[in-house]
PDB file of N, CA and C in Angstrom:
ATOM      1  N   UNK A   1       0.836  -1.169   0.000  1.00  0.00           N
ATOM      2  CA  UNK A   1       0.000   0.000   0.000  1.00  0.00           C
ATOM      3  C   UNK A   1       0.890   1.245   0.000  1.00  0.00           C
ATOM      4  N   UNK A   2       0.592   2.191  -0.849  1.00  0.00           N
ATOM      5  CA  UNK A   2       1.393   3.394  -0.970  1.00  0.00           C
ATOM      6  C   UNK A   2       0.701   4.543  -0.255  1.00  0.00           C
ATOM      7  N   UNK A   3       1.474   5.302   0.534  1.00  0.00           N
ATOM      8  CA  UNK A   3       0.927   6.451   1.236  1.00  0.00           C
ATOM      9  C   UNK A   3       0.745   7.588   0.242  1.00  0.00           C
ATOM     10  N   UNK A   4      -0.300   8.356   0.431  1.00  0.00           N
ATOM     11  CA  UNK A   4      -0.532   9.519  -0.407  1.00  0.00           C
ATOM     12  C   UNK A   4      -0.746  10.737   0.479  1.00  0.00           C
ATOM     13  N   UNK A   5      -0.440  11.885  -0.057  1.00  0.00           N
ATOM     14  CA  UNK A   5      -0.617  13.138   0.662  1.00  0.00           C
ATOM     15  C   UNK A   5      -1.961  13.715   0.240  1.00  0.00           C
ATOM     16  N   UNK A   6      -2.855  13.872   1.207  1.00  0.00           N
ATOM     17  CA  UNK A   6      -4.159  14.440   0.902  1.00  0.00           C
ATOM     18  C   UNK A   6      -4.523  15.472   1.962  1.00  0.00           C
ATOM     19  N   UNK A   7      -5.117  16.557   1.515  1.00  0.00           N
ATOM     20  CA  UNK A   7      -5.600  17.579   2.433  1.00  0.00           C
ATOM     21  C   UNK A   7      -6.912  18.110   1.885  1.00  0.00           C
ATOM     22  N   UNK A   8      -8.015  17.711   2.452  1.00  0.00           N
ATOM     23  CA  UNK A   8      -9.306  18.129   1.933  1.00  0.00           C
ATOM     24  C   UNK A   8      -9.546  19.618   2.136  1.00  0.00           C
ATOM     25  N   UNK A   9     -10.408  20.176   1.306  1.00  0.00           N
ATOM     26  CA  UNK A   9     -10.711  21.600   1.404  1.00  0.00           C
ATOM     27  C   UNK A   9     -11.426  21.942   2.699  1.00  0.00           C
ATOM     28  N   UNK A  10     -11.875  20.970   3.438  1.00  0.00           N
ATOM     29  CA  UNK A  10     -12.527  21.248   4.716  1.00  0.00           C
ATOM     30  C   UNK A  10     -11.512  21.294   5.856  1.00  0.00           C
ATOM     31  N   UNK A  11     -10.219  21.310   5.521  1.00  0.00           N
ATOM     32  CA  UNK A  11      -9.183  21.319   6.543  1.00  0.00           C
ATOM     33  C   UNK A  11      -9.222  22.627   7.327  1.00  0.00           C
ATOM     34  N   UNK A  12      -8.487  22.638   8.408  1.00  0.00           N
ATOM     35  CA  UNK A  12      -8.456  23.800   9.305  1.00  0.00           C
ATOM     36  C   UNK A  12      -7.943  25.055   8.597  1.00  0.00           C
ATOM     37  N   UNK A  13      -6.970  24.911   7.703  1.00  0.00           N
ATOM     38  CA  UNK A  13      -6.440  26.080   6.996  1.00  0.00           C
ATOM     39  C   UNK A  13      -7.493  26.737   6.118  1.00  0.00           C
ATOM     40  N   UNK A  14      -8.259  25.934   5.411  1.00  0.00           N
ATOM     41  CA  UNK A  14      -9.317  26.493   4.575  1.00  0.00           C
ATOM     42  C   UNK A  14     -10.367  27.188   5.440  1.00  0.00           C
ATOM     43  N   UNK A  15     -10.701  26.590   6.567  1.00  0.00           N
ATOM     44  CA  UNK A  15     -11.676  27.205   7.471  1.00  0.00           C
ATOM     45  C   UNK A  15     -11.174  28.552   7.973  1.00  0.00           C
ATOM     46  N   UNK A  16      -9.884  28.634   8.291  1.00  0.00           N
ATOM     47  CA  UNK A  16      -9.309  29.902   8.769  1.00  0.00           C
ATOM     48  C   UNK A  16      -9.313  30.956   7.680  1.00  0.00           C
ATOM     49  N   UNK A  17      -9.016  30.571   6.453  1.00  0.00           N
ATOM     50  CA  UNK A  17      -9.035  31.530   5.337  1.00  0.00           C
ATOM     51  C   UNK A  17     -10.441  32.075   5.140  1.00  0.00           C
ATOM     52  N   UNK A  18     -11.436  31.181   5.152  1.00  0.00           N
ATOM     53  CA  UNK A  18     -12.807  31.625   4.939  1.00  0.00           C
ATOM     54  C   UNK A  18     -13.330  32.447   6.116  1.00  0.00           C
ATOM     55  N   UNK A  19     -12.745  32.281   7.311  1.00  0.00           N
ATOM     56  CA  UNK A  19     -13.180  33.037   8.485  1.00  0.00           C
ATOM     57  C   UNK A  19     -12.615  34.459   8.497  1.00  0.00           C
ATOM     58  N   UNK A  20     -11.548  34.707   7.753  1.00  0.00           N
ATOM     59  CA  UNK A  20     -10.941  36.038   7.726  1.00  0.00           C
ATOM     60  C   UNK A  20     -11.828  37.020   6.980  1.00  0.00           C
ATOM     61  N   UNK A  21     -11.689  38.274   7.331  1.00  0.00           N
ATOM     62  CA  UNK A  21     -12.455  39.328   6.668  1.00  0.00           C
ATOM     63  C   UNK A  21     -11.690  39.761   5.416  1.00  0.00           C
ATOM     64  N   UNK A  22     -11.779  38.957   4.369  1.00  0.00           N
ATOM     65  CA  UNK A  22     -11.073  39.218   3.118  1.00  0.00           C
ATOM     66  C   UNK A  22     -12.066  39.547   2.013  1.00  0.00           C
ATOM     67  N   UNK A  23     -11.579  40.279   1.033  1.00  0.00           N
ATOM     68  CA  UNK A  23     -12.403  40.503  -0.152  1.00  0.00           C
ATOM     69  C   UNK A  23     -12.491  39.183  -0.909  1.00  0.00           C
ATOM     70  N   UNK A  24     -13.490  39.015  -1.751  1.00  0.00           N
ATOM     71  CA  UNK A  24     -13.596  37.759  -2.505  1.00  0.00           C
ATOM     72  C   UNK A  24     -12.346  37.458  -3.334  1.00  0.00           C
ATOM     73  N   UNK A  25     -11.742  38.490  -3.901  1.00  0.00           N
ATOM     74  CA  UNK A  25     -10.533  38.281  -4.703  1.00  0.00           C
ATOM     75  C   UNK A  25      -9.364  37.827  -3.825  1.00  0.00           C
ATOM     76  N   UNK A  26      -9.189  38.478  -2.673  1.00  0.00           N
ATOM     77  CA  UNK A  26      -8.104  38.100  -1.766  1.00  0.00           C
ATOM     78  C   UNK A  26      -8.315  36.682  -1.235  1.00  0.00           C
ATOM     79  N   UNK A  27      -9.550  36.335  -0.937  1.00  0.00           N
ATOM     80  CA  UNK A  27      -9.854  34.980  -0.460  1.00  0.00           C
ATOM     81  C   UNK A  27      -9.547  33.952  -1.542  1.00  0.00           C
ATOM     82  N   UNK A  28      -9.919  34.272  -2.777  1.00  0.00           N
ATOM     83  CA  UNK A  28      -9.645  33.371  -3.902  1.00  0.00           C
ATOM     84  C   UNK A  28      -8.139  33.196  -4.106  1.00  0.00           C
ATOM     85  N   UNK A  29      -7.383  34.276  -3.960  1.00  0.00           N
ATOM     86  CA  UNK A  29      -5.928  34.192  -4.090  1.00  0.00           C
ATOM     87  C   UNK A  29      -5.314  33.365  -2.969  1.00  0.00           C
ATOM     88  N   UNK A  30      -5.814  33.532  -1.754  1.00  0.00           N
ATOM     89  CA  UNK A  30      -5.287  32.761  -0.620  1.00  0.00           C
ATOM     90  C   UNK A  30      -5.572  31.275  -0.788  1.00  0.00           C
ATOM     91  N   UNK A  31      -6.781  30.942  -1.203  1.00  0.00           N
ATOM     92  CA  UNK A  31      -7.130  29.536  -1.420  1.00  0.00           C
ATOM     93  C   UNK A  31      -6.319  28.975  -2.581  1.00  0.00           C
ATOM     94  N   UNK A  32      -6.130  29.767  -3.626  1.00  0.00           N
ATOM     95  CA  UNK A  32      -5.317  29.326  -4.756  1.00  0.00           C
ATOM     96  C   UNK A  32      -3.879  29.059  -4.359  1.00  0.00           C
ATOM     97  N   UNK A  33      -3.314  29.944  -3.529  1.00  0.00           N
ATOM     98  CA  UNK A  33      -1.949  29.748  -3.055  1.00  0.00           C
ATOM     99  C   UNK A  33      -1.841  28.489  -2.207  1.00  0.00           C
ATOM    100  N   UNK A  34      -2.843  28.237  -1.387  1.00  0.00           N
ATOM    101  CA  UNK A  34      -2.848  27.025  -0.559  1.00  0.00           C
ATOM    102  C   UNK A  34      -2.928  25.774  -1.430  1.00  0.00           C
ATOM    103  N   UNK A  35      -3.738  25.810  -2.460  1.00  0.00           N
ATOM    104  CA  UNK A  35      -3.849  24.660  -3.372  1.00  0.00           C
ATOM    105  C   UNK A  35      -2.521  24.413  -4.097  1.00  0.00           C
ATOM    106  N   UNK A  36      -1.856  25.485  -4.508  1.00  0.00           N
ATOM    107  CA  UNK A  36      -0.561  25.345  -5.177  1.00  0.00           C
ATOM    108  C   UNK A  36       0.464  24.745  -4.212  1.00  0.00           C
ATOM    109  N   UNK A  37       0.470  25.231  -2.979  1.00  0.00           N
ATOM    110  CA  UNK A  37       1.403  24.701  -1.981  1.00  0.00           C
ATOM    111  C   UNK A  37       1.146  23.218  -1.734  1.00  0.00           C
ATOM    112  N   UNK A  38      -0.116  22.835  -1.655  1.00  0.00           N
ATOM    113  CA  UNK A  38      -0.442  21.423  -1.448  1.00  0.00           C
ATOM    114  C   UNK A  38      -0.026  20.575  -2.643  1.00  0.00           C
ATOM    115  N   UNK A  39      -0.176  21.114  -3.842  1.00  0.00           N
ATOM    116  CA  UNK A  39       0.256  20.377  -5.030  1.00  0.00           C
ATOM    117  C   UNK A  39       1.771  20.194  -5.029  1.00  0.00           C
ATOM    118  N   UNK A  40       2.505  21.232  -4.628  1.00  0.00           N
ATOM    119  CA  UNK A  40       3.969  21.126  -4.565  1.00  0.00           C
ATOM    120  C   UNK A  40       4.409  20.099  -3.527  1.00  0.00           C
ATOM    121  N   UNK A  41       3.779  20.110  -2.378  1.00  0.00           N
ATOM    122  CA  UNK A  41       4.121  19.133  -1.342  1.00  0.00           C
ATOM    123  C   UNK A  41       3.775  17.726  -1.812  1.00  0.00           C
ATOM    124  N   UNK A  42       2.626  17.579  -2.444  1.00  0.00           N
ATOM    125  CA  UNK A  42       2.241  16.270  -2.977  1.00  0.00           C
ATOM    126  C   UNK A  42       3.212  15.769  -4.020  1.00  0.00           C
ATOM    127  N   UNK A  43       3.658  16.658  -4.894  1.00  0.00           N
ATOM    128  CA  UNK A  43       4.633  16.286  -5.924  1.00  0.00           C
ATOM    129  C   UNK A  43       5.968  15.910  -5.290  1.00  0.00           C
ATOM    130  N   UNK A  44       6.409  16.686  -4.314  1.00  0.00           N
ATOM    131  CA  UNK A  44       7.665  16.369  -3.633  1.00  0.00           C
ATOM    132  C   UNK A  44       7.566  15.019  -2.925  1.00  0.00           C
ATOM    133  N   UNK A  45       6.446  14.740  -2.297  1.00  0.00           N
ATOM    134  CA  UNK A  45       6.233  13.460  -1.630  1.00  0.00           C
ATOM    135  C   UNK A  45       6.300  12.319  -2.644  1.00  0.00           C
ATOM    136  N   UNK A  46       5.690  12.505  -3.796  1.00  0.00           N
ATOM    137  CA  UNK A  46       5.694  11.485  -4.845  1.00  0.00           C
ATOM    138  C   UNK A  46       7.117  11.240  -5.351  1.00  0.00           C
ATOM    139  N   UNK A  47       7.872  12.321  -5.596  1.00  0.00           N
ATOM    140  CA  UNK A  47       9.248  12.190  -6.096  1.00  0.00           C
ATOM    141  C   UNK A  47      10.113  11.445  -5.076  1.00  0.00           C
ATOM    142  N   UNK A  48       9.993  11.812  -3.806  1.00  0.00           N
ATOM    143  CA  UNK A  48      10.788  11.146  -2.767  1.00  0.00           C
ATOM    144  C   UNK A  48      10.419   9.673  -2.679  1.00  0.00           C
ATOM    145  N   UNK A  49       9.136   9.354  -2.775  1.00  0.00           N
ATOM    146  CA  UNK A  49       8.738   7.942  -2.706  1.00  0.00           C
ATOM    147  C   UNK A  49       9.289   7.157  -3.893  1.00  0.00           C
ATOM    148  N   UNK A  50       9.317   7.763  -5.065  1.00  0.00           N
ATOM    149  CA  UNK A  50       9.871   7.089  -6.244  1.00  0.00           C
ATOM    150  C   UNK A  50      11.383   6.920  -6.109  1.00  0.00           C
ATOM    151  N   UNK A  51      12.066   7.929  -5.590  1.00  0.00           N
ATOM    152  CA  UNK A  51      13.514   7.825  -5.396  1.00  0.00           C
ATOM    153  C   UNK A  51      13.849   6.755  -4.364  1.00  0.00           C
ATOM    154  N   UNK A  52      13.045   6.642  -3.323  1.00  0.00           N
ATOM    155  CA  UNK A  52      13.274   5.584  -2.336  1.00  0.00           C
ATOM    156  C   UNK A  52      13.125   4.211  -2.974  1.00  0.00           C
ATOM    157  N   UNK A  53      12.119   4.058  -3.835  1.00  0.00           N
ATOM    158  CA  UNK A  53      11.927   2.772  -4.507  1.00  0.00           C
ATOM    159  C   UNK A  53      13.100   2.459  -5.427  1.00  0.00           C
ATOM    160  N   UNK A  54      13.589   3.466  -6.137  1.00  0.00           N
ATOM    161  CA  UNK A  54      14.732   3.250  -7.028  1.00  0.00           C
ATOM    162  C   UNK A  54      15.983   2.884  -6.248  1.00  0.00           C
ATOM    163  N   UNK A  55      16.160   3.474  -5.077  1.00  0.00           N
ATOM    164  CA  UNK A  55      17.347   3.217  -4.280  1.00  0.00           C
ATOM    165  C   UNK A  55      17.320   1.899  -3.547  1.00  0.00           C
ATOM    166  N   UNK A  56      16.150   1.283  -3.401  1.00  0.00           N
ATOM    167  CA  UNK A  56      16.071   0.061  -2.609  1.00  0.00           C
ATOM    168  C   UNK A  56      16.005  -1.212  -3.442  1.00  0.00           C
ATOM    169  N   UNK A  57      15.869  -1.099  -4.757  1.00  0.00           N
ATOM    170  CA  UNK A  57      15.778  -2.276  -5.614  1.00  0.00           C
ATOM    171  C   UNK A  57      16.850  -2.203  -6.690  1.00  0.00           C
ATOM    172  N   UNK A  58      17.598  -3.269  -6.834  1.00  0.00           N
ATOM    173  CA  UNK A  58      18.635  -3.326  -7.870  1.00  0.00           C
ATOM    174  C   UNK A  58      17.968  -3.410  -9.244  1.00  0.00           C
ATOM    175  N   UNK A  59      18.535  -2.742 -10.233  1.00  0.00           N
ATOM    176  CA  UNK A  59      17.943  -2.771 -11.574  1.00  0.00           C
ATOM    177  C   UNK A  59      17.951  -4.170 -12.189  1.00  0.00           C
ATOM    178  N   UNK A  60      16.887  -4.528 -12.841  1.00  0.00           N
ATOM    179  CA  UNK A  60      16.722  -5.749 -13.640  1.00  0.00           C
ATOM    180  C   UNK A  60      16.692  -7.047 -12.831  1.00  0.00           C
ATOM    181  N   UNK A  61      17.031  -7.032 -11.571  1.00  0.00           N
ATOM    182  CA  UNK A  61      17.033  -8.287 -10.813  1.00  0.00           C
ATOM    183  C   UNK A  61      15.916  -8.346  -9.792  1.00  0.00           C
ATOM    184  N   UNK A  62      15.514  -7.194  -9.287  1.00  0.00           N
ATOM    185  CA  UNK A  62      14.499  -7.159  -8.252  1.00  0.00           C
ATOM    186  C   UNK A  62      15.053  -7.476  -6.886  1.00  0.00           C
ATOM    187  N   UNK A  63      16.375  -7.709  -6.797  1.00  0.00           N
ATOM    188  CA  UNK A  63      17.008  -8.018  -5.513  1.00  0.00           C
ATOM    189  C   UNK A  63      17.182  -6.743  -4.706  1.00  0.00           C
ATOM    190  N   UNK A  64      17.049  -6.860  -3.418  1.00  0.00           N
ATOM    191  CA  UNK A  64      17.238  -5.706  -2.549  1.00  0.00           C
ATOM    192  C   UNK A  64      18.727  -5.401  -2.431  1.00  0.00           C
ATOM    193  N   UNK A  65      19.071  -4.142  -2.590  1.00  0.00           N
ATOM    194  CA  UNK A  65      20.463  -3.721  -2.541  1.00  0.00           C
ATOM    195  C   UNK A  65      20.934  -3.715  -1.085  1.00  0.00           C
ATOM    196  N   UNK A  66      22.147  -4.195  -0.839  1.00  0.00           N
ATOM    197  CA  UNK A  66      22.747  -4.109   0.471  1.00  0.00           C
ATOM    198  C   UNK A  66      22.453  -5.278   1.381  1.00  0.00           C
ATOM    199  N   UNK A  67      21.735  -6.285   0.932  1.00  0.00           N
ATOM    200  CA  UNK A  67      21.465  -7.455   1.767  1.00  0.00           C
ATOM    201  C   UNK A  67      22.085  -8.685   1.118  1.00  0.00           C
ATOM    202  N   UNK A  68      22.802  -9.406   1.922  1.00  0.00           N
ATOM    203  CA  UNK A  68      23.386 -10.652   1.460  1.00  0.00           C
ATOM    204  C   UNK A  68      22.421 -11.794   1.720  1.00  0.00           C
ATOM    205  N   UNK A  69      22.583 -12.892   1.021  1.00  0.00           N
ATOM    206  CA  UNK A  69      21.664 -14.014   1.156  1.00  0.00           C
ATOM    207  C   UNK A  69      21.663 -14.617   2.553  1.00  0.00           C
ATOM    208  N   UNK A  70      22.789 -14.562   3.258  1.00  0.00           N
ATOM    209  CA  UNK A  70      22.841 -15.181   4.577  1.00  0.00           C
ATOM    210  C   UNK A  70      22.312 -14.273   5.682  1.00  0.00           C
ATOM    211  N   UNK A  71      21.951 -13.047   5.372  1.00  0.00           N
ATOM    212  CA  UNK A  71      21.454 -12.131   6.417  1.00  0.00           C
ATOM    213  C   UNK A  71      19.986 -12.333   6.658  1.00  0.00           C
TER     214      UNK A  71
END
């Protein structure tokens, strides 16, 4: 099972943004910035998970790197 990064729009940050006395445009910009930040974090999480998988499996053999048969 692979972990995924998820943050629903009903999260505490979204609630705080909507609770502020902002103009509709400023609120839209704040929510947009939050969505972009979440996308960047999600992408970084995905890249790190892929790099971990690449680092833990030897190419073409499927053998785990760094473990000997007698261990």
